C-alpha cells in the first residue's frame, strides 16, 4: 500500500474518517477491520486518540502490477479525542488531527400569532414564507443565546 492518507472531521460528536491509499497490484486487498472507540478493542488506559485499524492482504491469482486507488470512510462516535491514529496490520502508520465542523445556523421568527415562536435551522435550508430570518449565520450555541436574550412577551 502506497500513499496512505486520511482526513477526519467531527460533527455533533461523530468523527468521519476518510481513508485512502494506492494499492500496488490487482491482488491487493484492504479493509477496515476495527475502530476505537466503538469497535471491539478495549483499553485499560485510554490511548489518547481515536483509532482506525486496517488489514492488508494479498489475494491469490495472477496479479497485474498497476497502481489503483482505494478509499473508504468510517464513523467513530467520539466527542473527546482531537486526533486519529491509522494502523495498518497493527502498525501505526499515520496520525491526523480531527477538524471540527463549522456548521452555521440561522434563527427564524414565525410571522403569524403568536410572534414569540423561533426556530433554529441549519444555514442554507429552505424555510417556509411564514418565517423571517432574524439572526445568523452563527454557531448553534450563539443562536440559543440570542433566543434566550429576547424579551419575553407579557
N, C-alpha and C. Protein backbone atom coordinates (compact mmCIF):
# COMPACT_ATOMS: atom_id res chain seq x y z
N UNK A 1 0.85 -1.17 0.00
CA UNK A 1 0.00 0.00 0.00
C UNK A 1 0.90 1.23 0.00
N UNK A 2 0.64 2.13 -0.94
CA UNK A 2 1.41 3.36 -1.04
C UNK A 2 0.51 4.56 -0.75
N UNK A 3 1.13 5.68 -0.41
CA UNK A 3 0.46 6.96 -0.29
C UNK A 3 -0.78 6.91 0.60
N UNK A 4 -0.63 6.34 1.80
CA UNK A 4 -1.74 6.31 2.76
C UNK A 4 -2.05 7.74 3.19
N UNK A 5 -3.31 8.11 3.12
CA UNK A 5 -3.71 9.45 3.53
C UNK A 5 -5.10 9.39 4.16
N UNK A 6 -5.40 10.37 5.00
CA UNK A 6 -6.69 10.38 5.69
C UNK A 6 -7.05 11.80 6.12
N UNK A 7 -8.35 12.02 6.28
CA UNK A 7 -8.90 13.28 6.79
C UNK A 7 -9.98 12.91 7.79
N UNK A 8 -10.02 13.64 8.92
CA UNK A 8 -11.03 13.37 9.94
C UNK A 8 -11.78 14.66 10.28
N UNK A 9 -13.10 14.58 10.23
CA UNK A 9 -13.96 15.72 10.56
C UNK A 9 -14.97 15.30 11.62
N UNK A 10 -15.17 16.17 12.63
CA UNK A 10 -16.17 15.89 13.67
C UNK A 10 -17.36 16.81 13.49
N UNK A 11 -18.56 16.22 13.58
CA UNK A 11 -19.79 17.00 13.52
C UNK A 11 -20.76 16.39 14.52
N UNK A 12 -21.15 17.16 15.53
CA UNK A 12 -22.08 16.71 16.58
C UNK A 12 -21.64 15.40 17.22
N UNK A 13 -20.36 15.28 17.55
CA UNK A 13 -19.87 14.11 18.28
C UNK A 13 -19.53 12.91 17.42
N UNK A 14 -19.63 13.03 16.12
CA UNK A 14 -19.29 11.91 15.22
C UNK A 14 -18.09 12.31 14.37
N UNK A 15 -17.03 11.52 14.48
CA UNK A 15 -15.85 11.74 13.65
C UNK A 15 -16.00 10.86 12.40
N UNK A 16 -15.97 11.49 11.24
CA UNK A 16 -15.96 10.74 9.99
C UNK A 16 -14.54 10.76 9.47
N UNK A 17 -13.96 9.57 9.34
CA UNK A 17 -12.59 9.43 8.87
C UNK A 17 -12.62 8.91 7.43
N UNK A 18 -12.07 9.71 6.52
CA UNK A 18 -11.93 9.30 5.12
C UNK A 18 -10.50 8.81 4.95
N UNK A 19 -10.33 7.57 4.50
CA UNK A 19 -9.02 6.96 4.36
C UNK A 19 -8.82 6.55 2.91
N UNK A 20 -7.62 6.79 2.39
CA UNK A 20 -7.32 6.39 1.03
C UNK A 20 -5.88 5.95 0.89
N UNK A 21 -5.61 5.23 -0.17
CA UNK A 21 -4.24 4.77 -0.47
C UNK A 21 -4.20 4.31 -1.92
N UNK A 22 -3.00 3.97 -2.35
CA UNK A 22 -2.82 3.36 -3.68
C UNK A 22 -2.39 1.92 -3.46
N UNK A 23 -3.11 0.99 -4.08
CA UNK A 23 -2.75 -0.42 -4.00
C UNK A 23 -1.82 -0.73 -5.17
N UNK A 24 -0.83 -1.56 -4.93
CA UNK A 24 0.25 -1.77 -5.89
C UNK A 24 -0.10 -2.79 -6.96
N UNK A 25 -0.86 -3.83 -6.60
CA UNK A 25 -1.23 -4.85 -7.59
C UNK A 25 -2.74 -5.08 -7.54
N UNK A 26 -3.25 -5.76 -8.55
CA UNK A 26 -4.68 -6.07 -8.59
C UNK A 26 -5.05 -7.15 -7.58
N UNK A 27 -4.07 -7.80 -6.97
CA UNK A 27 -4.34 -8.81 -5.94
C UNK A 27 -4.35 -8.24 -4.52
N UNK A 28 -4.00 -6.97 -4.39
CA UNK A 28 -4.01 -6.35 -3.05
C UNK A 28 -5.46 -6.16 -2.60
N UNK A 29 -5.68 -6.43 -1.33
CA UNK A 29 -7.00 -6.25 -0.74
C UNK A 29 -6.83 -5.53 0.59
N UNK A 30 -7.66 -4.54 0.83
CA UNK A 30 -7.56 -3.73 2.05
C UNK A 30 -8.97 -3.52 2.60
N UNK A 31 -9.10 -3.60 3.94
CA UNK A 31 -10.39 -3.31 4.57
C UNK A 31 -10.18 -2.79 5.98
N UNK A 32 -11.13 -1.98 6.44
CA UNK A 32 -11.11 -1.52 7.83
C UNK A 32 -11.70 -2.64 8.67
N UNK A 33 -10.94 -3.08 9.67
CA UNK A 33 -11.39 -4.22 10.48
C UNK A 33 -11.84 -3.83 11.89
N UNK A 34 -11.47 -2.62 12.34
CA UNK A 34 -11.88 -2.22 13.69
C UNK A 34 -11.68 -0.72 13.85
N UNK A 35 -12.22 -0.20 14.96
CA UNK A 35 -12.08 1.21 15.30
C UNK A 35 -12.15 1.34 16.82
N UNK A 36 -11.62 2.45 17.30
CA UNK A 36 -11.71 2.77 18.72
C UNK A 36 -11.97 4.26 18.85
N UNK A 37 -12.92 4.65 19.66
CA UNK A 37 -13.89 3.85 20.41
C UNK A 37 -15.02 3.36 19.51
N UNK A 38 -15.80 2.45 20.03
CA UNK A 38 -16.98 1.96 19.33
C UNK A 38 -16.77 0.66 18.60
N UNK A 39 -15.57 0.12 18.62
CA UNK A 39 -15.31 -1.16 17.96
C UNK A 39 -15.15 -2.25 18.99
N UNK A 40 -14.35 -3.25 18.66
CA UNK A 40 -14.14 -4.40 19.54
C UNK A 40 -13.00 -4.21 20.52
N UNK A 41 -12.16 -3.22 20.29
CA UNK A 41 -10.98 -3.03 21.14
C UNK A 41 -11.35 -2.30 22.43
N UNK A 42 -10.76 -2.77 23.51
CA UNK A 42 -10.93 -2.16 24.82
C UNK A 42 -9.54 -1.91 25.41
N UNK A 43 -9.40 -0.78 26.08
CA UNK A 43 -8.12 -0.44 26.71
C UNK A 43 -8.35 -0.19 28.19
N UNK A 44 -7.37 -0.57 29.00
CA UNK A 44 -7.40 -0.25 30.43
C UNK A 44 -7.15 1.24 30.60
N UNK A 45 -6.21 1.78 29.83
CA UNK A 45 -5.89 3.21 29.84
C UNK A 45 -6.17 3.73 28.43
N UNK A 46 -6.91 4.83 28.35
CA UNK A 46 -7.25 5.41 27.05
C UNK A 46 -5.98 5.76 26.28
N UNK A 47 -5.89 5.39 24.98
CA UNK A 47 -4.67 5.67 24.21
C UNK A 47 -4.49 7.15 23.85
N UNK A 48 -5.50 7.98 24.09
CA UNK A 48 -5.37 9.41 23.83
C UNK A 48 -5.72 9.82 22.42
N UNK A 49 -6.22 8.88 21.62
CA UNK A 49 -6.61 9.19 20.25
C UNK A 49 -7.68 8.19 19.81
N UNK A 50 -8.52 8.62 18.89
CA UNK A 50 -9.40 7.68 18.21
C UNK A 50 -8.50 6.86 17.28
N UNK A 51 -8.93 5.64 16.94
CA UNK A 51 -8.08 4.78 16.14
C UNK A 51 -8.87 4.05 15.06
N UNK A 52 -8.22 3.83 13.92
CA UNK A 52 -8.77 3.06 12.81
C UNK A 52 -7.77 1.96 12.48
N UNK A 53 -8.27 0.72 12.36
CA UNK A 53 -7.41 -0.43 12.09
C UNK A 53 -7.73 -1.00 10.72
N UNK A 54 -6.69 -1.10 9.89
CA UNK A 54 -6.83 -1.57 8.51
C UNK A 54 -6.04 -2.86 8.36
N UNK A 55 -6.64 -3.83 7.66
CA UNK A 55 -5.95 -5.08 7.35
C UNK A 55 -5.64 -5.09 5.86
N UNK A 56 -4.41 -5.48 5.55
CA UNK A 56 -3.95 -5.54 4.17
C UNK A 56 -3.58 -6.99 3.89
N UNK A 57 -4.05 -7.53 2.76
CA UNK A 57 -3.70 -8.91 2.42
C UNK A 57 -3.59 -9.06 0.91
N UNK A 58 -2.95 -10.14 0.50
CA UNK A 58 -2.75 -10.47 -0.91
C UNK A 58 -3.73 -11.58 -1.28
N UNK A 59 -4.49 -11.37 -2.33
CA UNK A 59 -5.38 -12.40 -2.84
C UNK A 59 -4.61 -13.28 -3.82
N UNK A 60 -4.98 -14.57 -3.94
CA UNK A 60 -4.27 -15.44 -4.88
C UNK A 60 -4.66 -15.13 -6.32
N UNK A 61 -3.83 -15.58 -7.23
CA UNK A 61 -4.13 -15.43 -8.64
C UNK A 61 -3.09 -14.63 -9.37
N UNK A 62 -3.22 -14.56 -10.67
CA UNK A 62 -2.30 -13.72 -11.43
C UNK A 62 -2.58 -12.25 -11.12
N UNK A 63 -1.54 -11.52 -10.84
CA UNK A 63 -1.70 -10.13 -10.39
C UNK A 63 -1.08 -9.17 -11.39
N UNK A 64 -1.83 -8.17 -11.75
CA UNK A 64 -1.28 -7.11 -12.57
C UNK A 64 -0.65 -6.05 -11.70
N UNK A 65 0.55 -5.64 -12.05
CA UNK A 65 1.21 -4.60 -11.26
C UNK A 65 0.83 -3.24 -11.81
N UNK A 66 -0.18 -2.69 -11.18
CA UNK A 66 -0.70 -1.39 -11.59
C UNK A 66 -1.21 -0.68 -10.34
N UNK A 67 -0.90 0.59 -10.22
CA UNK A 67 -1.40 1.35 -9.07
C UNK A 67 -2.87 1.67 -9.29
N UNK A 68 -3.68 1.37 -8.29
CA UNK A 68 -5.07 1.78 -8.38
C UNK A 68 -5.53 2.27 -7.01
N UNK A 69 -6.44 3.24 -7.01
CA UNK A 69 -6.84 3.87 -5.75
C UNK A 69 -7.78 3.00 -4.93
N UNK A 70 -7.64 3.15 -3.62
CA UNK A 70 -8.57 2.55 -2.66
C UNK A 70 -8.97 3.65 -1.70
N UNK A 71 -10.25 3.76 -1.39
CA UNK A 71 -10.69 4.70 -0.37
C UNK A 71 -11.98 4.23 0.25
N UNK A 72 -12.18 4.65 1.48
CA UNK A 72 -13.38 4.31 2.23
C UNK A 72 -13.52 5.31 3.37
N UNK A 73 -14.56 5.14 4.14
CA UNK A 73 -14.75 6.00 5.31
C UNK A 73 -15.32 5.18 6.45
N UNK A 74 -15.10 5.68 7.67
CA UNK A 74 -15.63 5.04 8.86
C UNK A 74 -16.07 6.14 9.82
N UNK A 75 -17.18 5.92 10.51
CA UNK A 75 -17.69 6.86 11.51
C UNK A 75 -17.34 6.36 12.91
N UNK A 76 -16.83 7.27 13.72
CA UNK A 76 -16.48 6.97 15.10
C UNK A 76 -17.22 7.98 15.98
N UNK A 77 -18.06 7.50 16.87
CA UNK A 77 -18.78 8.39 17.77
C UNK A 77 -17.89 8.71 18.96
N UNK A 78 -17.34 9.93 18.94
CA UNK A 78 -16.32 10.31 19.91
C UNK A 78 -16.29 11.83 20.02
N UNK A 79 -16.61 12.35 21.21
CA UNK A 79 -16.59 13.79 21.44
C UNK A 79 -15.29 14.26 22.09
N UNK A 80 -14.40 13.33 22.44
CA UNK A 80 -13.25 13.64 23.28
C UNK A 80 -11.94 13.82 22.52
N UNK A 81 -11.58 12.86 21.70
CA UNK A 81 -10.24 12.85 21.10
C UNK A 81 -10.10 13.89 19.99
N UNK A 82 -8.90 14.49 19.90
CA UNK A 82 -8.66 15.51 18.88
C UNK A 82 -7.68 15.03 17.80
N UNK A 83 -7.38 13.73 17.80
CA UNK A 83 -6.56 13.15 16.73
C UNK A 83 -7.00 11.71 16.48
N UNK A 84 -6.66 11.21 15.29
CA UNK A 84 -6.98 9.84 14.90
C UNK A 84 -5.69 9.17 14.46
N UNK A 85 -5.46 7.97 14.98
CA UNK A 85 -4.30 7.17 14.58
C UNK A 85 -4.78 6.09 13.61
N UNK A 86 -4.05 5.94 12.50
CA UNK A 86 -4.38 4.94 11.50
C UNK A 86 -3.35 3.82 11.60
N UNK A 87 -3.82 2.59 11.81
CA UNK A 87 -2.95 1.42 11.90
C UNK A 87 -3.17 0.54 10.68
N UNK A 88 -2.07 0.04 10.10
CA UNK A 88 -2.14 -0.93 9.01
C UNK A 88 -1.42 -2.18 9.48
N UNK A 89 -2.13 -3.30 9.50
CA UNK A 89 -1.57 -4.57 10.01
C UNK A 89 -0.96 -4.38 11.40
N UNK A 90 -1.68 -3.67 12.25
CA UNK A 90 -1.31 -3.44 13.65
C UNK A 90 -0.10 -2.52 13.84
N UNK A 91 0.37 -1.89 12.79
CA UNK A 91 1.48 -0.93 12.89
C UNK A 91 0.94 0.48 12.67
N UNK A 92 1.24 1.39 13.60
CA UNK A 92 0.77 2.76 13.42
C UNK A 92 1.50 3.40 12.25
N UNK A 93 0.70 3.88 11.28
CA UNK A 93 1.29 4.44 10.07
C UNK A 93 1.02 5.93 9.91
N UNK A 94 -0.01 6.44 10.60
CA UNK A 94 -0.40 7.82 10.35
C UNK A 94 -1.16 8.36 11.56
N UNK A 95 -0.93 9.62 11.90
CA UNK A 95 -1.71 10.32 12.92
C UNK A 95 -2.19 11.62 12.29
N UNK A 96 -3.51 11.86 12.38
CA UNK A 96 -4.10 13.04 11.76
C UNK A 96 -4.94 13.80 12.78
N UNK A 97 -5.06 15.12 12.63
CA UNK A 97 -5.91 15.90 13.54
C UNK A 97 -7.38 15.74 13.16
N UNK A 98 -8.24 15.94 14.14
CA UNK A 98 -9.69 15.96 13.90
C UNK A 98 -10.10 17.41 13.70
N UNK A 99 -10.71 17.70 12.58
CA UNK A 99 -11.19 19.05 12.28
C UNK A 99 -12.64 19.16 12.74
N UNK A 100 -12.93 20.22 13.48
CA UNK A 100 -14.30 20.45 13.94
C UNK A 100 -15.12 21.05 12.80
N UNK A 101 -16.33 20.56 12.66
CA UNK A 101 -17.23 21.10 11.64
C UNK A 101 -17.68 22.49 12.09
N UNK A 102 -17.70 23.40 11.17
CA UNK A 102 -18.14 24.76 11.48
C UNK A 102 -19.54 25.01 10.93
N UNK A 103 -20.44 24.10 11.21
CA UNK A 103 -21.83 24.24 10.76
C UNK A 103 -22.41 25.52 11.35
N UNK A 104 -23.04 26.30 10.50
CA UNK A 104 -23.65 27.55 10.92
C UNK A 104 -25.18 27.41 10.90
N UNK A 105 -25.85 28.21 11.73
CA UNK A 105 -27.30 28.14 11.88
C UNK A 105 -27.89 29.54 11.78
N UNK A 106 -29.19 29.60 11.48
CA UNK A 106 -29.94 30.84 11.43
C UNK A 106 -31.13 30.73 12.38
N UNK A 107 -31.55 31.87 12.92
CA UNK A 107 -32.75 31.93 13.76
C UNK A 107 -33.87 32.57 12.95
N UNK A 108 -35.01 31.90 12.92
CA UNK A 108 -36.19 32.39 12.21
C UNK A 108 -37.32 32.62 13.19
N UNK A 109 -38.07 33.71 12.95
CA UNK A 109 -39.23 34.04 13.76
C UNK A 109 -40.48 33.78 12.92
N UNK A 110 -41.50 33.21 13.56
CA UNK A 110 -42.76 32.97 12.86
C UNK A 110 -43.48 34.31 12.66
N UNK A 111 -44.14 34.47 11.51
CA UNK A 111 -44.81 35.75 11.18
C UNK A 111 -46.31 35.72 11.45
N UNK A 112 -46.81 34.69 12.11
CA UNK A 112 -48.23 34.64 12.49
C UNK A 112 -48.30 34.53 14.00
N UNK A 113 -49.45 34.84 14.56
CA UNK A 113 -49.60 34.79 16.01
C UNK A 113 -49.46 33.36 16.51
N UNK A 114 -48.81 33.13 17.63
CA UNK A 114 -48.06 34.06 18.46
C UNK A 114 -46.68 34.32 17.85
N UNK A 115 -46.24 35.58 17.94
CA UNK A 115 -44.99 36.01 17.32
C UNK A 115 -43.74 35.66 18.13
N UNK A 116 -43.90 34.99 19.27
CA UNK A 116 -42.75 34.67 20.10
C UNK A 116 -42.22 33.25 19.87
N UNK A 117 -42.49 32.70 18.70
CA UNK A 117 -42.00 31.37 18.35
C UNK A 117 -40.80 31.50 17.41
N UNK A 118 -39.70 30.81 17.74
CA UNK A 118 -38.46 30.89 16.97
C UNK A 118 -37.98 29.49 16.62
N UNK A 119 -37.32 29.39 15.49
CA UNK A 119 -36.72 28.13 15.05
C UNK A 119 -35.23 28.35 14.79
N UNK A 120 -34.43 27.36 15.12
CA UNK A 120 -33.02 27.37 14.77
C UNK A 120 -32.85 26.34 13.66
N UNK A 121 -32.38 26.81 12.50
CA UNK A 121 -32.33 25.96 11.31
C UNK A 121 -30.92 26.04 10.72
N UNK A 122 -30.36 24.90 10.24
CA UNK A 122 -29.05 24.96 9.60
C UNK A 122 -29.04 25.94 8.43
N UNK A 123 -27.96 26.69 8.32
CA UNK A 123 -27.83 27.69 7.26
C UNK A 123 -28.01 27.03 5.89
N UNK A 124 -28.74 27.70 5.01
CA UNK A 124 -28.92 27.22 3.65
C UNK A 124 -30.16 26.37 3.44
N UNK A 125 -30.89 26.05 4.50
CA UNK A 125 -32.10 25.25 4.36
C UNK A 125 -33.24 26.10 3.81
N UNK A 126 -34.14 25.46 3.10
CA UNK A 126 -35.33 26.15 2.60
C UNK A 126 -36.32 26.28 3.75
N UNK A 127 -36.81 27.49 3.96
CA UNK A 127 -37.71 27.78 5.08
C UNK A 127 -39.01 28.34 4.52
N UNK A 128 -40.18 27.88 5.00
CA UNK A 128 -41.47 28.40 4.51
C UNK A 128 -41.58 29.92 4.71
N UNK A 129 -42.38 30.56 3.88
CA UNK A 129 -42.52 32.02 3.89
C UNK A 129 -43.19 32.57 5.15
N UNK A 130 -43.70 31.71 6.02
CA UNK A 130 -44.31 32.21 7.27
C UNK A 130 -43.25 32.51 8.33
N UNK A 131 -41.97 32.36 7.98
CA UNK A 131 -40.87 32.68 8.88
C UNK A 131 -39.99 33.75 8.26
N UNK A 132 -39.36 34.56 9.13
CA UNK A 132 -38.38 35.51 8.63
C UNK A 132 -37.10 35.34 9.45
N UNK A 133 -35.99 35.51 8.77
CA UNK A 133 -34.69 35.36 9.41
C UNK A 133 -34.42 36.58 10.28
N UNK A 134 -34.08 36.34 11.57
CA UNK A 134 -33.82 37.43 12.50
C UNK A 134 -32.40 37.42 13.05
N UNK A 135 -31.66 36.32 12.85
CA UNK A 135 -30.31 36.23 13.39
C UNK A 135 -29.55 35.13 12.64
N UNK A 136 -28.26 35.37 12.44
CA UNK A 136 -27.41 34.34 11.86
C UNK A 136 -26.81 34.79 10.55
N UNK A 137 -25.93 34.04 10.00
CA UNK A 137 -25.48 32.72 10.47
C UNK A 137 -24.54 32.84 11.67
N UNK A 138 -24.64 31.83 12.53
CA UNK A 138 -23.82 31.78 13.74
C UNK A 138 -23.80 30.33 14.22
N UNK A 139 -23.01 30.08 15.26
CA UNK A 139 -22.98 28.73 15.84
C UNK A 139 -24.33 28.43 16.50
N UNK A 140 -24.59 27.16 16.73
CA UNK A 140 -25.84 26.77 17.37
C UNK A 140 -25.95 27.41 18.76
N UNK A 141 -24.85 27.40 19.49
CA UNK A 141 -24.86 27.97 20.84
C UNK A 141 -25.18 29.46 20.81
N UNK A 142 -24.63 30.20 19.82
CA UNK A 142 -24.92 31.63 19.70
C UNK A 142 -26.40 31.86 19.36
N UNK A 143 -26.98 30.99 18.57
CA UNK A 143 -28.41 31.12 18.24
C UNK A 143 -29.28 30.89 19.47
N UNK A 144 -28.93 29.90 20.28
CA UNK A 144 -29.67 29.64 21.52
C UNK A 144 -29.55 30.85 22.45
N UNK A 145 -28.36 31.41 22.57
CA UNK A 145 -28.12 32.59 23.42
C UNK A 145 -28.95 33.76 22.93
N UNK A 146 -29.03 33.95 21.60
CA UNK A 146 -29.82 35.04 21.02
C UNK A 146 -31.29 34.90 21.43
N UNK A 147 -31.83 33.69 21.30
CA UNK A 147 -33.25 33.48 21.63
C UNK A 147 -33.49 33.69 23.13
N UNK A 148 -32.60 33.20 23.96
CA UNK A 148 -32.75 33.39 25.41
C UNK A 148 -32.67 34.85 25.80
N UNK A 149 -31.94 35.65 25.03
CA UNK A 149 -31.78 37.07 25.33
C UNK A 149 -32.92 37.95 24.85
N UNK A 150 -33.87 37.39 24.11
CA UNK A 150 -35.01 38.19 23.63
C UNK A 150 -35.95 38.49 24.78
N UNK A 151 -36.59 39.67 24.77
CA UNK A 151 -37.56 39.99 25.82
C UNK A 151 -38.77 39.05 25.73
N UNK A 152 -39.28 38.67 26.88
CA UNK A 152 -40.43 37.78 26.94
C UNK A 152 -41.71 38.56 26.74
N UNK A 153 -42.65 37.96 25.99
CA UNK A 153 -43.95 38.61 25.76
C UNK A 153 -44.76 38.60 27.06
N UNK A 154 -45.54 39.66 27.27
CA UNK A 154 -46.32 39.75 28.52
C UNK A 154 -47.57 38.92 28.46
